[in-house]
C-alpha atoms as a PDB file:
ATOM      1  CA  MET A   1     104.666 113.148  64.238  1.00  0.00           C
ATOM      2  CA  PRO A   2     105.955 110.091  66.146  1.00  0.00           C
ATOM      3  CA  GLY A   3     103.629 107.167  66.806  1.00  0.00           C
ATOM      4  CA  PRO A   4     103.005 105.667  70.269  1.00  0.00           C
ATOM      5  CA  ALA A   5     106.094 103.418  70.209  1.00  0.00           C
ATOM      6  CA  GLU A   6     108.362 106.269  69.189  1.00  0.00           C
ATOM      7  CA  ALA A   7     106.816 108.605  71.761  1.00  0.00           C
ATOM      8  CA  GLN A   8     107.399 106.041  74.518  1.00  0.00           C
ATOM      9  CA  GLY A   9     111.028 105.754  73.414  1.00  0.00           C
ATOM     10  CA  LEU A  10     111.386 109.536  73.539  1.00  0.00           C
ATOM     11  CA  SER A  11     109.850 109.613  77.028  1.00  0.00           C
ATOM     12  CA  ALA A  12     112.285 106.973  78.270  1.00  0.00           C
ATOM     13  CA  GLN A  13     115.193 108.826  76.656  1.00  0.00           C
ATOM     14  CA  LEU A  14     114.154 112.129  78.244  1.00  0.00           C
ATOM     15  CA  PHE A  15     113.653 110.365  81.586  1.00  0.00           C
ATOM     16  CA  ASP A  16     117.239 109.036  81.417  1.00  0.00           C
ATOM     17  CA  GLN A  17     118.631 112.433  80.401  1.00  0.00           C
ATOM     18  CA  LEU A  18     116.944 114.045  83.401  1.00  0.00           C
ATOM     19  CA  GLY A  19     118.689 111.658  85.786  1.00  0.00           C
ATOM     20  CA  GLY A  20     116.448 108.625  85.724  1.00  0.00           C
ATOM     21  CA  TRP A  21     114.791 106.950  88.662  1.00  0.00           C
ATOM     22  CA  ASP A  22     117.122 108.284  91.368  1.00  0.00           C
ATOM     23  CA  GLN A  23     116.593 111.894  90.341  1.00  0.00           C
ATOM     24  CA  LEU A  24     112.827 111.455  90.095  1.00  0.00           C
ATOM     25  CA  VAL A  25     112.623 109.986  93.605  1.00  0.00           C
ATOM     26  CA  ALA A  26     114.903 112.684  95.053  1.00  0.00           C
ATOM     27  CA  GLY A  27     112.924 115.480  93.418  1.00  0.00           C
ATOM     28  CA  VAL A  28     109.555 114.199  94.609  1.00  0.00           C
ATOM     29  CA  GLN A  29     110.867 113.631  98.138  1.00  0.00           C
ATOM     30  CA  GLN A  30     112.281 117.132  98.237  1.00  0.00           C
ATOM     31  CA  LEU A  31     108.980 118.577  97.021  1.00  0.00           C
ATOM     32  CA  TYR A  32     106.992 116.891  99.776  1.00  0.00           C
ATOM     33  CA  GLN A  33     109.580 117.792 102.432  1.00  0.00           C
ATOM     34  CA  ARG A  34     109.252 121.425 101.417  1.00  0.00           C
ATOM     35  CA  LEU A  35     105.457 121.260 101.383  1.00  0.00           C
ATOM     36  CA  GLY A  36     105.487 119.788 104.892  1.00  0.00           C
ATOM     37  CA  ALA A  37     107.932 122.379 106.199  1.00  0.00           C
ATOM     38  CA  ASP A  38     106.323 125.476 104.677  1.00  0.00           C
ATOM     39  CA  PRO A  39     103.759 127.163 106.964  1.00  0.00           C
ATOM     40  CA  ALA A  40     101.841 128.330 103.889  1.00  0.00           C
ATOM     41  CA  THR A  41     101.211 124.749 102.719  1.00  0.00           C
ATOM     42  CA  GLN A  42     101.198 122.764 105.981  1.00  0.00           C
ATOM     43  CA  ALA A  43      97.492 123.470 106.460  1.00  0.00           C
ATOM     44  CA  PHE A  44      96.676 121.522 103.301  1.00  0.00           C
ATOM     45  CA  PHE A  45      98.211 118.349 104.775  1.00  0.00           C
ATOM     46  CA  PRO A  46      97.175 118.355 108.455  1.00  0.00           C
ATOM     47  CA  ASP A  47      96.942 114.579 109.002  1.00  0.00           C
ATOM     48  CA  THR A  48      98.714 113.336 105.897  1.00  0.00           C
ATOM     49  CA  ASP A  49     101.640 110.934 105.804  1.00  0.00           C
ATOM     50  CA  LEU A  50     103.783 112.904 103.355  1.00  0.00           C
ATOM     51  CA  LYS A  51     106.293 110.061 102.965  1.00  0.00           C
ATOM     52  CA  ARG A  52     103.480 107.778 101.859  1.00  0.00           C
ATOM     53  CA  LEU A  53     102.106 110.474  99.571  1.00  0.00           C
ATOM     54  CA  SER A  54     105.590 110.953  98.120  1.00  0.00           C
ATOM     55  CA  ARG A  55     105.896 107.226  97.350  1.00  0.00           C
ATOM     56  CA  HIS A  56     102.464 107.292  95.718  1.00  0.00           C
ATOM     57  CA  MET A  57     103.450 110.269  93.534  1.00  0.00           C
ATOM     58  CA  VAL A  58     106.658 108.540  92.408  1.00  0.00           C
ATOM     59  CA  ARG A  59     104.685 105.453  91.434  1.00  0.00           C
ATOM     60  CA  TRP A  60     102.044 107.524  89.637  1.00  0.00           C
ATOM     61  CA  LEU A  61     104.718 109.367  87.654  1.00  0.00           C
ATOM     62  CA  GLN A  62     106.412 106.086  86.785  1.00  0.00           C
ATOM     63  CA  VAL A  63     103.197 104.543  85.499  1.00  0.00           C
ATOM     64  CA  ARG A  64     101.928 107.684  83.783  1.00  0.00           C
ATOM     65  CA  TRP A  65     105.143 108.957  82.216  1.00  0.00           C
ATOM     66  CA  LEU A  66     106.896 105.702  81.412  1.00  0.00           C
ATOM     67  CA  GLN A  67     103.763 103.603  80.924  1.00  0.00           C
ATOM     68  CA  VAL A  68     105.141 100.994  83.349  1.00  0.00           C
ATOM     69  CA  SER A  69     102.643  98.799  85.169  1.00  0.00           C
END
């Protein structure tokens, strides 16, 4: 079982293999665009700035997944 340092290295390696920062940002933006456009989910975000929420999610994923502060 890898230790914390090795696990962080594996996370960074997986992150790069999945397309890195650009792909993460594009995927999150697309998710929130779809949520905002879908009548089934629009009601959950009546007065929400989805662009701001998208930026917050990207930052949260960066900090949580990559352990970047």
